[in-house]
Protein backbone atom coordinates (compact mmCIF):
# COMPACT_ATOMS: atom_id res chain seq x y z
CA MET A 1 -9.12 14.51 7.75
CA PRO A 2 -7.22 16.69 10.25
CA GLN A 3 -8.79 19.94 11.19
CA THR A 4 -7.47 23.11 12.80
CA ALA A 5 -9.17 26.30 13.90
CA THR A 6 -8.56 30.06 13.37
CA ASP A 7 -10.33 33.35 13.76
CA VAL A 8 -9.68 34.70 10.35
CA VAL A 9 -8.55 32.51 7.43
CA ILE A 10 -7.20 34.15 4.25
CA ILE A 11 -7.11 32.04 1.09
CA GLY A 12 -4.44 32.99 -1.35
CA GLY A 13 -0.91 34.27 -1.09
CA SER A 14 -1.21 37.54 -3.08
CA THR A 15 -0.62 41.13 -2.19
CA ALA A 16 -4.34 41.37 -1.28
CA ALA A 17 -3.85 38.45 1.20
CA LEU A 18 -0.87 40.08 2.78
CA ARG A 19 -2.54 43.52 3.20
CA ALA A 20 -5.61 41.73 4.72
CA ALA A 21 -3.57 39.96 7.21
CA GLU A 22 -1.55 43.09 8.05
CA THR A 23 -4.82 44.95 8.63
CA VAL A 24 -6.41 42.23 10.82
CA VAL A 25 -3.27 42.04 13.02
CA ARG A 26 -3.08 45.87 13.39
CA GLN A 27 -6.68 46.22 14.16
CA ALA A 28 -7.14 43.23 16.38
CA PRO A 29 -3.80 41.64 17.41
CA GLU A 30 -5.68 39.25 19.70
CA LEU A 31 -7.12 37.44 16.69
CA ASP A 32 -5.57 34.31 15.27
CA VAL A 33 -4.86 34.63 11.55
CA THR A 34 -4.01 31.85 9.04
CA ILE A 35 -3.04 32.29 5.43
CA ILE A 36 -3.54 29.33 3.00
CA SER A 37 -1.63 29.73 -0.21
CA ASP A 38 -0.63 27.22 -3.01
CA GLU A 39 2.54 29.31 -3.35
CA VAL A 40 5.59 27.84 -1.69
CA HIS A 41 6.96 31.33 -1.07
CA LEU A 42 5.92 34.10 1.34
CA PRO A 43 3.89 36.95 -0.36
CA TYR A 44 6.19 38.75 -2.73
CA GLU A 45 6.10 41.70 -5.21
CA LEU A 46 4.75 40.71 -8.58
CA PRO A 47 5.31 43.79 -10.78
CA PRO A 48 9.11 43.39 -11.06
CA LEU A 49 8.90 39.86 -12.59
CA SER A 50 8.38 41.22 -16.15
CA LYS A 51 10.72 44.27 -15.68
CA ILE A 52 13.96 42.92 -14.08
CA PRO A 53 16.80 43.19 -16.65
CA LEU A 54 17.85 39.74 -17.98
CA LYS A 55 21.41 40.26 -16.78
CA ASP A 56 20.22 40.68 -13.14
CA HIS A 57 19.75 37.74 -10.82
CA VAL A 58 16.15 37.08 -9.75
CA ASP A 59 16.16 36.60 -6.03
CA ILE A 60 12.97 35.63 -4.24
CA GLU A 61 14.31 36.87 -0.93
CA SER A 62 14.60 40.43 -2.41
CA LEU A 63 11.00 40.25 -3.63
CA VAL A 64 9.36 39.02 -0.50
CA TYR A 65 7.61 41.78 1.33
CA PRO A 66 9.32 42.44 4.70
CA VAL A 67 5.94 42.81 6.34
CA ALA A 68 5.25 39.13 5.39
CA ARG A 69 8.21 38.00 7.63
CA GLU A 70 7.07 40.48 10.28
CA LEU A 71 3.56 39.07 10.39
CA ARG A 72 4.95 35.57 10.82
CA GLU A 73 6.90 36.72 13.81
CA LYS A 74 3.68 38.16 15.21
CA GLY A 75 2.00 34.84 14.95
CA VAL A 76 0.33 34.77 11.62
CA HIS A 77 0.22 31.12 10.40
CA TYR A 78 1.33 30.50 6.86
CA ARG A 79 0.19 27.18 5.21
CA LEU A 80 2.30 27.42 2.12
CA GLY A 81 2.13 25.00 -0.78
CA GLU A 82 -1.44 24.00 0.25
CA ARG A 83 -4.35 24.48 -2.07
CA ALA A 84 -7.94 25.29 -0.95
CA THR A 85 -10.44 23.00 -2.63
CA ALA A 86 -13.69 23.94 -1.13
CA ILE A 87 -15.37 26.34 1.33
CA ASP A 88 -18.60 25.54 3.33
CA PRO A 89 -19.84 28.97 4.59
CA ALA A 90 -22.70 27.24 6.56
CA ARG A 91 -20.28 25.14 8.64
CA ARG A 92 -17.46 27.84 8.26
CA VAL A 93 -14.97 25.32 7.15
CA ILE A 94 -12.16 25.42 4.40
CA THR A 95 -11.20 22.21 2.89
CA THR A 96 -7.66 22.00 1.45
CA ASP A 97 -5.72 19.15 -0.19
CA THR A 98 -4.19 18.36 3.11
CA GLY A 99 -6.96 19.00 5.68
CA GLN A 100 -9.64 21.36 6.90
CA VAL A 101 -9.62 24.80 8.67
CA SER A 102 -12.61 26.11 10.68
CA TYR A 103 -12.89 29.76 10.88
CA ARG A 104 -15.01 32.73 12.19
CA ALA A 105 -14.38 35.01 9.25
CA ALA A 106 -12.84 34.21 5.85
CA ILE A 107 -11.21 36.42 3.21
CA ILE A 108 -10.83 35.08 -0.39
CA THR A 109 -7.82 36.44 -2.32
CA THR A 110 -7.32 33.76 -4.96
CA GLY A 111 -7.12 36.22 -7.80
CA CYS A 112 -6.83 35.11 -11.44
CA GLU A 113 -5.20 32.42 -13.46
CA PRO A 114 -3.62 32.80 -16.93
CA ILE A 115 -5.39 31.71 -20.03
CA VAL A 116 -3.38 29.41 -22.21
CA PRO A 117 -4.92 28.64 -25.66
CA PRO A 118 -5.24 24.84 -26.33
CA MET A 119 -2.68 24.87 -29.14
CA PHE A 120 0.05 25.80 -26.62
CA ARG A 121 -0.80 23.58 -23.66
CA ASP A 122 1.27 20.54 -24.47
CA GLN A 123 4.17 22.24 -26.03
CA GLN A 124 7.68 22.79 -24.72
CA ASP A 125 9.09 26.26 -24.02
CA VAL A 126 5.65 27.94 -23.77
CA TYR A 127 5.50 30.19 -20.70
CA VAL A 128 3.19 32.52 -18.91
CA LEU A 129 4.53 35.21 -16.52
CA ARG A 130 2.33 35.25 -13.34
CA ARG A 131 4.59 33.92 -10.55
CA PHE A 132 8.19 33.87 -9.42
CA ASP A 133 8.71 30.36 -10.68
CA ASP A 134 7.38 31.43 -14.13
CA SER A 135 9.91 34.16 -14.20
CA VAL A 136 12.85 31.86 -13.38
CA ALA A 137 11.96 29.26 -15.91
CA LEU A 138 11.30 31.91 -18.60
CA ARG A 139 14.66 33.63 -18.10
CA GLN A 140 16.41 30.26 -18.29
CA ALA A 141 14.70 29.59 -21.55
CA VAL A 142 15.94 32.78 -23.11
CA GLU A 143 19.56 32.57 -21.88
CA ASP A 144 20.60 31.23 -25.19
CA ARG A 145 20.72 34.48 -27.32
CA GLN A 146 20.32 32.45 -30.53
CA ARG A 147 16.81 31.30 -29.49
CA SER A 148 14.00 33.38 -31.07
CA VAL A 149 11.26 34.78 -28.85
CA ALA A 150 7.58 35.39 -29.74
CA ILE A 151 5.15 37.08 -27.43
CA VAL A 152 1.51 36.35 -27.98
CA GLY A 153 -0.57 39.19 -26.43
CA ALA A 154 0.45 42.86 -26.55
CA GLY A 155 -1.04 43.83 -23.10
CA PHE A 156 1.07 45.11 -20.31
CA ILE A 157 2.77 41.83 -19.32
CA GLY A 158 3.68 41.09 -22.94
CA GLY A 159 4.76 44.66 -23.53
CA GLU A 160 6.94 44.82 -20.54
CA PHE A 161 8.72 41.59 -21.29
CA ALA A 162 9.21 42.80 -24.98
CA SER A 163 10.82 45.86 -23.46
CA THR A 164 13.11 43.77 -21.23
CA LEU A 165 14.35 41.73 -24.20
CA ILE A 166 14.92 44.78 -26.42
CA SER A 167 16.84 46.47 -23.65
CA ASP A 168 19.10 43.48 -23.60
CA GLY A 169 19.80 43.73 -27.33
CA ARG A 170 17.55 40.88 -28.25
CA GLU A 171 15.07 40.53 -31.04
CA VAL A 172 11.42 39.93 -30.25
CA SER A 173 8.13 39.55 -32.10
CA LEU A 174 4.96 40.96 -30.43
CA ILE A 175 1.67 39.45 -31.77
CA ASP A 176 -1.82 40.48 -30.90
CA LEU A 177 -5.29 39.72 -32.31
CA SER A 178 -6.33 43.34 -31.96
CA VAL A 179 -5.37 45.73 -34.73
CA HIS A 180 -4.94 48.34 -32.10
CA PRO A 181 -3.67 47.10 -28.66
CA LEU A 182 -5.14 48.97 -25.74
CA ILE A 183 -8.01 50.06 -28.02
CA ARG A 184 -10.26 50.23 -24.90
CA PHE A 185 -8.57 53.58 -24.27
CA GLY A 186 -9.08 54.86 -27.81
CA GLU A 187 -7.18 54.80 -31.20
CA GLU A 188 -4.77 57.52 -30.36
CA VAL A 189 -3.70 55.95 -27.04
CA SER A 190 -3.20 52.71 -28.97
CA GLY A 191 -1.26 54.55 -31.65
CA VAL A 192 1.14 56.02 -29.10
CA TYR A 193 1.65 52.52 -27.54
CA GLU A 194 2.30 50.89 -30.92
CA GLU A 195 4.74 53.79 -31.77
CA LEU A 196 6.65 53.19 -28.61
CA HIS A 197 7.20 49.49 -29.36
CA ARG A 198 8.01 49.94 -33.08
CA TYR A 199 10.40 52.86 -32.42
CA LYS A 200 12.37 50.74 -29.87
CA GLY A 201 12.68 47.89 -32.43
CA VAL A 202 9.99 45.39 -31.52
CA THR A 203 8.64 43.55 -34.57
CA THR A 204 4.91 43.81 -34.36
CA PHE A 205 2.14 41.62 -35.78
CA PHE A 206 -1.13 43.33 -34.82
CA GLY A 207 -4.60 42.32 -36.13
CA VAL A 208 -3.55 38.62 -36.72
CA GLY A 209 -3.99 35.59 -34.51
CA ALA A 210 -1.76 32.55 -33.93
CA THR A 211 -3.13 29.40 -35.52
CA GLY A 212 -0.46 26.75 -34.73
CA THR A 213 3.25 26.00 -34.81
CA ILE A 214 5.53 24.23 -37.12
CA GLU A 215 9.00 22.76 -36.71
CA ARG A 216 11.62 23.36 -39.37
CA GLU A 217 15.34 22.51 -39.30
CA GLY A 218 15.51 22.41 -35.61
CA SER A 219 13.61 25.66 -35.00
CA ARG A 220 9.99 26.34 -34.21
CA PHE A 221 7.76 28.82 -36.07
CA LEU A 222 4.44 30.35 -35.07
CA GLN A 223 1.90 30.34 -37.84
CA LEU A 224 -0.22 33.40 -38.09
CA SER A 225 -3.80 33.73 -39.48
CA ASP A 226 -2.59 35.82 -42.45
CA GLY A 227 -0.17 33.03 -43.56
CA ARG A 228 2.98 34.63 -42.18
CA GLU A 229 5.37 32.69 -39.97
CA VAL A 230 7.21 34.07 -36.91
CA ALA A 231 10.31 32.42 -35.47
CA ALA A 232 9.27 31.25 -31.92
CA ASP A 233 11.68 28.90 -30.20
CA VAL A 234 10.43 30.38 -26.97
CA ILE A 235 6.70 31.51 -26.80
CA VAL A 236 5.41 33.77 -24.06
CA VAL A 237 1.58 33.81 -23.72
CA GLY A 238 -0.08 36.93 -22.33
CA VAL A 239 -3.55 36.72 -23.84
CA GLY A 240 -5.39 37.42 -20.56
CA VAL A 241 -6.60 35.84 -17.33
CA ARG A 242 -9.73 34.43 -15.82
CA PRO A 243 -10.89 34.50 -12.11
CA ALA A 244 -9.68 31.56 -10.16
CA VAL A 245 -13.03 30.59 -8.75
CA SER A 246 -13.75 27.06 -9.93
CA TRP A 247 -13.15 25.76 -6.48
CA LEU A 248 -16.10 27.93 -5.24
CA ASP A 249 -18.63 26.32 -7.65
CA SER A 250 -20.55 24.38 -4.90
CA SER A 251 -19.97 27.02 -2.13
CA GLY A 252 -23.16 29.10 -2.62
CA ILE A 253 -20.96 32.19 -3.03
CA PRO A 254 -22.41 34.22 -5.92
CA LEU A 255 -20.22 34.14 -9.02
CA ASP A 256 -20.63 36.29 -12.08
CA ASN A 257 -17.50 37.53 -13.83
CA GLY A 258 -15.64 36.45 -10.70
CA ILE A 259 -16.76 36.66 -7.06
CA THR A 260 -19.81 38.85 -6.59
CA ALA A 261 -19.44 41.04 -3.45
CA ASP A 262 -21.32 43.99 -1.97
CA GLU A 263 -19.98 47.47 -1.37
CA TYR A 264 -18.33 46.18 1.77
CA LEU A 265 -16.48 43.37 -0.14
CA HIS A 266 -18.81 40.87 1.67
CA THR A 267 -20.15 37.94 -0.18
CA VAL A 268 -22.12 35.53 2.03
CA ASP A 269 -22.24 35.49 5.89
CA GLY A 270 -18.69 35.82 7.21
CA VAL A 271 -16.97 35.54 3.88
CA PHE A 272 -15.12 38.60 2.30
CA ALA A 273 -13.14 38.82 -0.91
CA ALA A 274 -10.42 41.01 -2.24
CA GLY A 275 -8.17 41.20 -5.35
CA ASP A 276 -8.47 40.58 -9.14
CA ALA A 277 -11.34 38.10 -8.91
CA VAL A 278 -13.71 40.39 -7.11
CA CYS A 279 -16.63 42.21 -8.77
CA TRP A 280 -18.09 44.88 -6.50
CA PRO A 281 -20.11 48.19 -6.74
CA ASN A 282 -17.65 51.15 -6.54
CA ALA A 283 -19.64 54.13 -5.34
CA ARG A 284 -16.92 56.60 -6.59
CA PHE A 285 -18.01 55.97 -10.22
CA ASN A 286 -21.50 54.44 -9.46
CA ALA A 287 -20.38 51.38 -11.45
CA THR A 288 -19.83 47.65 -10.80
CA MET A 289 -16.32 46.75 -11.69
CA ARG A 290 -13.65 44.08 -11.49
CA ILE A 291 -9.96 45.38 -11.58
CA GLU A 292 -6.97 43.26 -12.45
CA HIS A 293 -4.18 45.38 -11.05
CA TRP A 294 -2.28 44.97 -7.85
CA THR A 295 -2.75 48.46 -6.43
CA THR A 296 -6.55 47.88 -6.25
CA ALA A 297 -5.93 44.41 -4.96
CA ALA A 298 -3.82 45.83 -2.09
CA GLU A 299 -6.35 48.45 -1.17
CA GLN A 300 -9.14 45.85 -1.27
CA GLY A 301 -7.08 43.60 1.01
CA ARG A 302 -6.97 46.36 3.56
CA GLY A 303 -10.69 47.02 3.19
CA ALA A 304 -11.60 43.31 3.46
CA GLY A 305 -9.36 42.90 6.44
CA LEU A 306 -10.85 45.88 8.22
CA ASN A 307 -14.43 44.73 7.59
CA ALA A 308 -13.51 41.11 8.64
CA VAL A 309 -12.61 42.57 12.05
CA LYS A 310 -15.58 44.82 12.24
CA TYR A 311 -17.84 41.87 11.33
CA LEU A 312 -16.38 39.79 14.31
CA LYS A 313 -16.79 42.67 16.63
CA ASP A 314 -20.32 43.27 15.37
CA GLU A 315 -19.55 46.78 14.21
CA PRO A 316 -20.82 48.59 11.12
CA LEU A 317 -18.91 47.72 8.05
CA ILE A 318 -17.21 50.35 5.84
CA PRO A 319 -17.88 50.57 2.05
CA PHE A 320 -14.78 50.04 -0.18
CA VAL A 321 -14.43 52.93 -2.55
CA ASN A 322 -11.31 53.56 -4.84
CA VAL A 323 -10.05 55.13 -8.01
CA PRO A 324 -8.62 52.28 -10.19
CA PHE A 325 -5.01 52.78 -10.99
CA PHE A 326 -2.25 50.97 -12.83
CA TRP A 327 1.18 51.67 -14.17
CA SER A 328 3.54 49.88 -16.54
CA ASP A 329 7.15 50.58 -17.37
CA GLN A 330 8.07 49.92 -21.01
CA HIS A 331 11.13 51.14 -23.06
CA GLY A 332 12.14 53.57 -20.38
CA GLN A 333 8.65 55.19 -20.23
CA ARG A 334 6.05 54.88 -17.53
CA VAL A 335 2.51 54.47 -18.63
CA GLN A 336 -0.17 55.19 -16.09
CA TRP A 337 -3.96 55.23 -15.87
CA ALA A 338 -6.36 56.31 -13.10
CA GLY A 339 -10.11 56.45 -13.28
CA HIS A 340 -13.01 54.55 -14.79
CA ARG A 341 -13.84 54.28 -18.50
CA LEU A 342 -17.16 53.30 -20.00
CA GLY A 343 -16.26 53.89 -23.65
CA ASP A 344 -18.48 56.90 -24.53
CA GLU A 345 -16.18 59.61 -23.04
CA GLN A 346 -14.63 62.46 -25.04
CA VAL A 347 -10.73 62.18 -25.02
CA VAL A 348 -8.58 65.20 -25.09
CA SER A 349 -4.84 64.84 -25.50
CA ASN A 350 -1.69 66.97 -25.28
CA ARG A 351 1.89 66.08 -26.22
CA ASN A 352 4.99 68.02 -25.12
CA GLU A 353 8.61 67.24 -24.54
CA GLY A 354 7.69 65.57 -21.25
CA GLY A 355 5.34 62.98 -22.89
CA GLU A 356 1.67 62.60 -23.78
CA LEU A 357 -1.31 63.11 -21.53
CA PHE A 358 -4.93 62.03 -22.22
CA LEU A 359 -7.96 63.27 -20.22
CA PHE A 360 -11.21 61.39 -20.46
CA ARG A 361 -14.20 63.69 -20.14
CA LYS A 362 -17.90 63.10 -19.65
CA GLY A 363 -19.87 66.25 -19.62
CA ASP A 364 -18.09 68.73 -17.31
CA LEU A 365 -16.28 65.99 -15.32
CA VAL A 366 -13.00 64.15 -15.94
CA THR A 367 -13.47 60.44 -15.34
CA GLY A 368 -9.96 59.27 -16.13
CA VAL A 369 -6.41 60.24 -17.01
CA LEU A 370 -3.75 58.21 -18.98
CA ALA A 371 -0.16 59.36 -19.26
CA PHE A 372 2.96 58.42 -21.11
CA GLU A 373 5.40 59.95 -18.71
CA ARG A 374 4.09 63.44 -17.61
CA ARG A 375 4.50 61.95 -14.05
CA GLN A 376 4.02 65.03 -11.87
CA GLU A 377 0.83 66.10 -13.67
CA PHE A 378 -0.53 62.59 -13.46
CA VAL A 379 0.15 62.30 -9.66
CA GLN A 380 -1.83 65.50 -9.08
CA LEU A 381 -4.73 64.51 -11.34
CA ARG A 382 -4.93 61.06 -9.83
CA ALA A 383 -5.22 62.58 -6.35
CA LYS A 384 -7.98 64.96 -7.46
CA LEU A 385 -9.93 62.05 -8.98
CA ARG A 386 -10.67 60.77 -5.54
CA GLN A 387 -13.53 63.29 -5.65
CA PRO A 388 -15.58 64.34 -8.76
CA LEU A 389 -13.09 66.32 -10.88
CA ALA A 390 -14.39 69.30 -12.81
CA TRP A 391 -13.01 69.93 -16.30
CA ASP A 392 -11.66 73.41 -15.56
CA VAL A 393 -9.88 72.18 -12.45
CA ALA A 394 -8.19 69.42 -14.37
CA LEU A 395 -7.17 71.94 -17.02
CA GLY A 396 -5.53 73.95 -14.19
CA VAL A 397 -3.18 70.98 -13.46
CA ALA A 398 -2.64 69.74 -17.01
CA SER A 399 -0.13 72.04 -18.68
CA GLY A 400 -0.51 73.09 -22.36
CA PHE A 401 -4.21 72.00 -22.85
CA ASP A 402 -5.50 75.53 -23.20
CA SER A 403 -3.56 76.12 -26.43
CA ALA A 404 -2.91 72.64 -27.71
CA ALA A 405 -5.70 70.45 -26.58
CA ARG A 406 -7.55 68.48 -29.28
CA GLU A 407 -10.63 66.25 -29.04
CA VAL A 408 -10.05 62.75 -30.12
CA ALA A 409 -12.81 60.53 -31.52
CA VAL A 410 -13.24 57.30 -29.72
CA PRO A 411 -14.91 54.29 -31.25
């Protein structure tokens, strides 16, 4: 089996991989860097895939990060369309489906893979939306405006594509097993989210599951657990993801709800990890967490890249600390979250003409903020959350709370 050598090998073609490579090149341009990715494309932006209007052409060249091309010009080796199948940390060797790569330091950024329920796995016109090729195939499937579309899973990917269809004048059904999607943020947040979809014309089926499909007169219908049927010529599955770590089973790298890393994003000797699959202790909130959002993945990529360089230079590593953050654009509104939620916080909300703002409070501290619009206030609160945020300081930023705030019970 052919073998090559590199200083730093990065496994995965995600945003985390790109930011790791960028950091290594910037900190130590003398090091040789190799990226191994089963994607055939250079690293590209993922968030637009569920948001690009159906009438717009999806162009991979416009999505590829410019820095990805710049890194190639600077000597970063891309091994695209190649899948890593094993890692031997003792020998410092990565095995792929085409050969082996020896390394001095490794960064794993393989992220997560979509969950597809067994009832859908062998059916035609069933799609997930995780990669560029998924987006192209899905958009081709819905070109015929007579075809009905059902989305299983009312999370952010499902909600965003429902918004994309509605904005094109299409009908869409949104199904979720939970009675209240986004219930992890409390019933009132869930209620605002549901109201947003229903107001815009999405047909919602919440609190029911999909049990199977049936063909009738040339059309397909999704059977629900309450006996109803939903027209579903095209089915989009967005029920969640799982860490893509099966290839690490025999590696000796600790696995528990993903890749277990320490505060430096270090796993075993010389192997770092970044992205959706990484579970690490975040000192900002004194909690161990795994975050499935690309902003954290990008920040972790930089952190892992920096520590890989420090490891090779035998310098002290730097703890990775961040405030988890995500956003989602749906029906012309931006939904944003920053912070960490355990579930026992008090939630205080305020609605005005600019949107709705929720503050999550534990004692005298604000631990999180969620906003439907209210962008300026959210940006300020997110910045302040980098340090412990006192309740009275947050109220000085969040307008209207003194007179209109109300405490919301959270289950």
